[in-house]
C-alpha atoms as a PDB file:
ATOM      1  CA  UNK A   1     -26.169  41.815  22.107  1.00  0.00           C
ATOM      2  CA  UNK A   2     -23.947  39.284  21.527  1.00  0.00           C
ATOM      3  CA  UNK A   3     -25.275  36.129  19.193  1.00  0.00           C
ATOM      4  CA  UNK A   4     -26.065  32.247  21.490  1.00  0.00           C
ATOM      5  CA  UNK A   5     -23.444  29.739  19.723  1.00  0.00           C
ATOM      6  CA  UNK A   6     -25.714  26.773  19.724  1.00  0.00           C
ATOM      7  CA  UNK A   7     -24.213  23.220  20.210  1.00  0.00           C
ATOM      8  CA  UNK A   8     -24.627  21.364  16.874  1.00  0.00           C
ATOM      9  CA  UNK A   9     -27.375  18.764  17.109  1.00  0.00           C
ATOM     10  CA  UNK A  10     -26.186  15.615  18.131  1.00  0.00           C
ATOM     11  CA  UNK A  11     -26.668  12.791  15.448  1.00  0.00           C
ATOM     12  CA  UNK A  12     -29.962  11.113  15.632  1.00  0.00           C
ATOM     13  CA  UNK A  13     -29.756   6.931  16.073  1.00  0.00           C
ATOM     14  CA  UNK A  14     -32.046   5.206  13.425  1.00  0.00           C
ATOM     15  CA  UNK A  15     -33.571   1.572  13.677  1.00  0.00           C
ATOM     16  CA  UNK A  16     -31.069  -0.175  15.892  1.00  0.00           C
ATOM     17  CA  UNK A  17     -29.338   2.573  17.192  1.00  0.00           C
ATOM     18  CA  UNK A  18     -27.653   2.883  13.612  1.00  0.00           C
ATOM     19  CA  UNK A  19     -25.816   6.866  13.399  1.00  0.00           C
ATOM     20  CA  UNK A  20     -27.771   8.896  10.769  1.00  0.00           C
ATOM     21  CA  UNK A  21     -24.585  10.698   9.395  1.00  0.00           C
ATOM     22  CA  UNK A  22     -23.959  12.556   6.315  1.00  0.00           C
ATOM     23  CA  UNK A  23     -22.025  10.933   3.439  1.00  0.00           C
ATOM     24  CA  UNK A  24     -18.628  12.643   3.627  1.00  0.00           C
ATOM     25  CA  UNK A  25     -15.149  11.164   2.547  1.00  0.00           C
ATOM     26  CA  UNK A  26     -11.885  10.918   4.482  1.00  0.00           C
ATOM     27  CA  UNK A  27     -11.393   9.952   8.663  1.00  0.00           C
ATOM     28  CA  UNK A  28     -13.632  12.501  10.219  1.00  0.00           C
ATOM     29  CA  UNK A  29     -16.960  11.136   8.885  1.00  0.00           C
ATOM     30  CA  UNK A  30     -15.828   8.121  10.116  1.00  0.00           C
ATOM     31  CA  UNK A  31     -15.032   9.210  13.336  1.00  0.00           C
ATOM     32  CA  UNK A  32     -18.639  11.404  13.864  1.00  0.00           C
ATOM     33  CA  UNK A  33     -19.775   7.896  12.952  1.00  0.00           C
ATOM     34  CA  UNK A  34     -17.770   6.282  15.595  1.00  0.00           C
ATOM     35  CA  UNK A  35     -18.569   8.897  18.133  1.00  0.00           C
ATOM     36  CA  UNK A  36     -22.190   8.341  17.686  1.00  0.00           C
ATOM     37  CA  UNK A  37     -22.518   5.099  17.978  1.00  0.00           C
ATOM     38  CA  UNK A  38     -24.486   4.031  21.243  1.00  0.00           C
ATOM     39  CA  UNK A  39     -23.312   2.467  24.497  1.00  0.00           C
ATOM     40  CA  UNK A  40     -21.010  -0.483  24.170  1.00  0.00           C
ATOM     41  CA  UNK A  41     -20.957   0.180  19.891  1.00  0.00           C
ATOM     42  CA  UNK A  42     -18.207   2.691  20.015  1.00  0.00           C
ATOM     43  CA  UNK A  43     -15.638   1.227  21.958  1.00  0.00           C
ATOM     44  CA  UNK A  44     -16.591  -1.855  19.040  1.00  0.00           C
ATOM     45  CA  UNK A  45     -16.245   0.691  16.546  1.00  0.00           C
ATOM     46  CA  UNK A  46     -13.101   2.065  17.357  1.00  0.00           C
ATOM     47  CA  UNK A  47     -11.354  -1.015  17.681  1.00  0.00           C
ATOM     48  CA  UNK A  48     -12.328  -1.922  14.291  1.00  0.00           C
ATOM     49  CA  UNK A  49     -11.559   1.212  12.697  1.00  0.00           C
ATOM     50  CA  UNK A  50      -8.158   0.993  14.822  1.00  0.00           C
ATOM     51  CA  UNK A  51      -7.712  -2.395  13.354  1.00  0.00           C
ATOM     52  CA  UNK A  52      -8.356  -1.737   9.390  1.00  0.00           C
ATOM     53  CA  UNK A  53      -5.692   1.180  10.087  1.00  0.00           C
ATOM     54  CA  UNK A  54      -3.347  -0.735  11.119  1.00  0.00           C
ATOM     55  CA  UNK A  55      -4.102  -3.963   8.931  1.00  0.00           C
ATOM     56  CA  UNK A  56      -4.093  -1.594   5.788  1.00  0.00           C
ATOM     57  CA  UNK A  57      -1.648   1.031   5.128  1.00  0.00           C
ATOM     58  CA  UNK A  58      -3.120   3.706   3.441  1.00  0.00           C
ATOM     59  CA  UNK A  59      -6.484   2.490   3.631  1.00  0.00           C
ATOM     60  CA  UNK A  60      -9.556   4.806   2.214  1.00  0.00           C
ATOM     61  CA  UNK A  61     -12.422   5.958   4.669  1.00  0.00           C
ATOM     62  CA  UNK A  62     -15.783   6.827   3.603  1.00  0.00           C
ATOM     63  CA  UNK A  63     -19.634   7.214   5.243  1.00  0.00           C
ATOM     64  CA  UNK A  64     -22.194   5.895   2.642  1.00  0.00           C
ATOM     65  CA  UNK A  65     -25.546   5.226   3.517  1.00  0.00           C
ATOM     66  CA  UNK A  66     -25.043   5.685   7.177  1.00  0.00           C
ATOM     67  CA  UNK A  67     -22.050   3.213   8.042  1.00  0.00           C
ATOM     68  CA  UNK A  68     -18.212   3.766   7.561  1.00  0.00           C
ATOM     69  CA  UNK A  69     -16.877   2.353   4.240  1.00  0.00           C
ATOM     70  CA  UNK A  70     -13.339   0.611   3.833  1.00  0.00           C
ATOM     71  CA  UNK A  71     -11.226   0.443   0.662  1.00  0.00           C
ATOM     72  CA  UNK A  72      -7.883  -0.481  -0.456  1.00  0.00           C
ATOM     73  CA  UNK A  73      -5.225   2.609  -1.184  1.00  0.00           C
ATOM     74  CA  UNK A  74      -4.938   1.197  -4.320  1.00  0.00           C
ATOM     75  CA  UNK A  75      -8.630   0.061  -5.866  1.00  0.00           C
ATOM     76  CA  UNK A  76     -11.914   2.340  -5.752  1.00  0.00           C
ATOM     77  CA  UNK A  77     -13.456  -0.183  -4.833  1.00  0.00           C
ATOM     78  CA  UNK A  78     -14.862  -0.993  -0.696  1.00  0.00           C
ATOM     79  CA  UNK A  79     -14.003  -4.409   1.006  1.00  0.00           C
ATOM     80  CA  UNK A  80     -15.406  -3.666   4.452  1.00  0.00           C
ATOM     81  CA  UNK A  81     -18.274  -1.564   6.086  1.00  0.00           C
ATOM     82  CA  UNK A  82     -19.700  -1.840   9.645  1.00  0.00           C
ATOM     83  CA  UNK A  83     -23.255  -0.946  10.730  1.00  0.00           C
ATOM     84  CA  UNK A  84     -25.484  -1.031  14.643  1.00  0.00           C
ATOM     85  CA  UNK A  85     -27.525  -2.816  14.465  1.00  0.00           C
ATOM     86  CA  UNK A  86     -29.937  -3.422  18.090  1.00  0.00           C
ATOM     87  CA  UNK A  87     -27.909  -6.246  20.085  1.00  0.00           C
ATOM     88  CA  UNK A  88     -24.733  -6.098  17.905  1.00  0.00           C
ATOM     89  CA  UNK A  89     -22.234  -4.311  14.976  1.00  0.00           C
ATOM     90  CA  UNK A  90     -21.911  -5.995  11.999  1.00  0.00           C
ATOM     91  CA  UNK A  91     -19.107  -6.353  10.066  1.00  0.00           C
ATOM     92  CA  UNK A  92     -20.114  -6.819   6.177  1.00  0.00           C
ATOM     93  CA  UNK A  93     -17.217  -8.267   3.924  1.00  0.00           C
ATOM     94  CA  UNK A  94     -18.225  -7.276   0.620  1.00  0.00           C
ATOM     95  CA  UNK A  95     -16.098 -10.499  -0.810  1.00  0.00           C
ATOM     96  CA  UNK A  96     -16.512 -12.498   2.122  1.00  0.00           C
ATOM     97  CA  UNK A  97     -16.913 -15.801   0.103  1.00  0.00           C
ATOM     98  CA  UNK A  98     -13.588 -15.621  -1.272  1.00  0.00           C
ATOM     99  CA  UNK A  99     -11.848 -15.363   2.214  1.00  0.00           C
ATOM    100  CA  UNK A 100     -10.550 -18.317   4.122  1.00  0.00           C
ATOM    101  CA  UNK A 101     -11.581 -19.404   5.873  1.00  0.00           C
ATOM    102  CA  UNK A 102     -14.847 -17.715   5.120  1.00  0.00           C
ATOM    103  CA  UNK A 103     -16.501 -15.411   7.886  1.00  0.00           C
ATOM    104  CA  UNK A 104     -19.868 -17.198   9.784  1.00  0.00           C
ATOM    105  CA  UNK A 105     -23.062 -15.210   8.545  1.00  0.00           C
ATOM    106  CA  UNK A 106     -24.292 -15.406   4.668  1.00  0.00           C
ATOM    107  CA  UNK A 107     -26.010 -12.334   3.203  1.00  0.00           C
ATOM    108  CA  UNK A 108     -29.016 -12.929   0.493  1.00  0.00           C
ATOM    109  CA  UNK A 109     -25.900 -11.129  -1.874  1.00  0.00           C
ATOM    110  CA  UNK A 110     -23.662 -14.760  -2.450  1.00  0.00           C
ATOM    111  CA  UNK A 111     -20.197 -12.583  -2.179  1.00  0.00           C
ATOM    112  CA  UNK A 112     -21.087 -11.145   1.190  1.00  0.00           C
ATOM    113  CA  UNK A 113     -20.122 -12.494   4.398  1.00  0.00           C
ATOM    114  CA  UNK A 114     -20.966 -10.882   7.909  1.00  0.00           C
ATOM    115  CA  UNK A 115     -19.501 -11.227  11.556  1.00  0.00           C
ATOM    116  CA  UNK A 116     -21.793 -10.277  13.718  1.00  0.00           C
ATOM    117  CA  UNK A 117     -20.320  -8.403  16.502  1.00  0.00           C
ATOM    118  CA  UNK A 118     -22.397  -8.561  20.502  1.00  0.00           C
ATOM    119  CA  UNK A 119     -21.173  -6.501  23.593  1.00  0.00           C
ATOM    120  CA  UNK A 120     -19.197  -9.252  25.523  1.00  0.00           C
ATOM    121  CA  UNK A 121     -17.697 -11.204  22.378  1.00  0.00           C
ATOM    122  CA  UNK A 122     -13.512 -11.410  22.643  1.00  0.00           C
ATOM    123  CA  UNK A 123     -12.375 -11.046  19.160  1.00  0.00           C
ATOM    124  CA  UNK A 124     -10.086 -13.630  16.949  1.00  0.00           C
ATOM    125  CA  UNK A 125      -7.646 -10.587  16.432  1.00  0.00           C
ATOM    126  CA  UNK A 126      -5.118 -12.999  14.369  1.00  0.00           C
ATOM    127  CA  UNK A 127      -8.200 -14.107  12.272  1.00  0.00           C
ATOM    128  CA  UNK A 128      -9.850 -10.270  11.694  1.00  0.00           C
ATOM    129  CA  UNK A 129      -6.413  -9.114  10.820  1.00  0.00           C
ATOM    130  CA  UNK A 130      -6.219 -12.422   7.741  1.00  0.00           C
ATOM    131  CA  UNK A 131      -9.508 -11.406   6.839  1.00  0.00           C
ATOM    132  CA  UNK A 132      -8.672  -7.812   6.872  1.00  0.00           C
ATOM    133  CA  UNK A 133      -5.895  -8.351   5.221  1.00  0.00           C
ATOM    134  CA  UNK A 134      -6.892 -11.065   2.168  1.00  0.00           C
ATOM    135  CA  UNK A 135     -10.396  -8.103   1.555  1.00  0.00           C
ATOM    136  CA  UNK A 136      -8.270  -5.549   0.925  1.00  0.00           C
ATOM    137  CA  UNK A 137      -6.219  -7.719  -1.919  1.00  0.00           C
ATOM    138  CA  UNK A 138      -9.053  -8.472  -3.243  1.00  0.00           C
ATOM    139  CA  UNK A 139     -10.745  -6.003  -6.405  1.00  0.00           C
ATOM    140  CA  UNK A 140     -13.163  -3.937  -4.207  1.00  0.00           C
ATOM    141  CA  UNK A 141     -16.922  -3.326  -5.007  1.00  0.00           C
ATOM    142  CA  UNK A 142     -17.375   0.160  -6.454  1.00  0.00           C
ATOM    143  CA  UNK A 143     -20.697   1.874  -5.066  1.00  0.00           C
END
């Protein structure tokens, strides 16, 4: 009798719809995270990943603590991560206080700044590109 192939389990969605994806390095775990993002958030995830990949040639990617992380190719730290919340996708600039202009949302960590992206938001591509370039040129945070 032939063995039945079972379909892999869909990733569990955590609080706010954040996908639970195993830790891993490279494009594959980040792509799995983005594919598991619910609804309109997957479109935002694909866009952010494409912009980072375009603006930071050779960018390093990983999933840690159920969110994608991005690092400059010549640094072993991380400059950006993002995650899903109920009503928005949040970009986390780890050295955001050093960016010009500073991203709009403060954190309890002095250096970290956030950009919350809601479903109907139109991103300022020029500003986002500038933040990504600046962030990738700063020393990344070590995790």
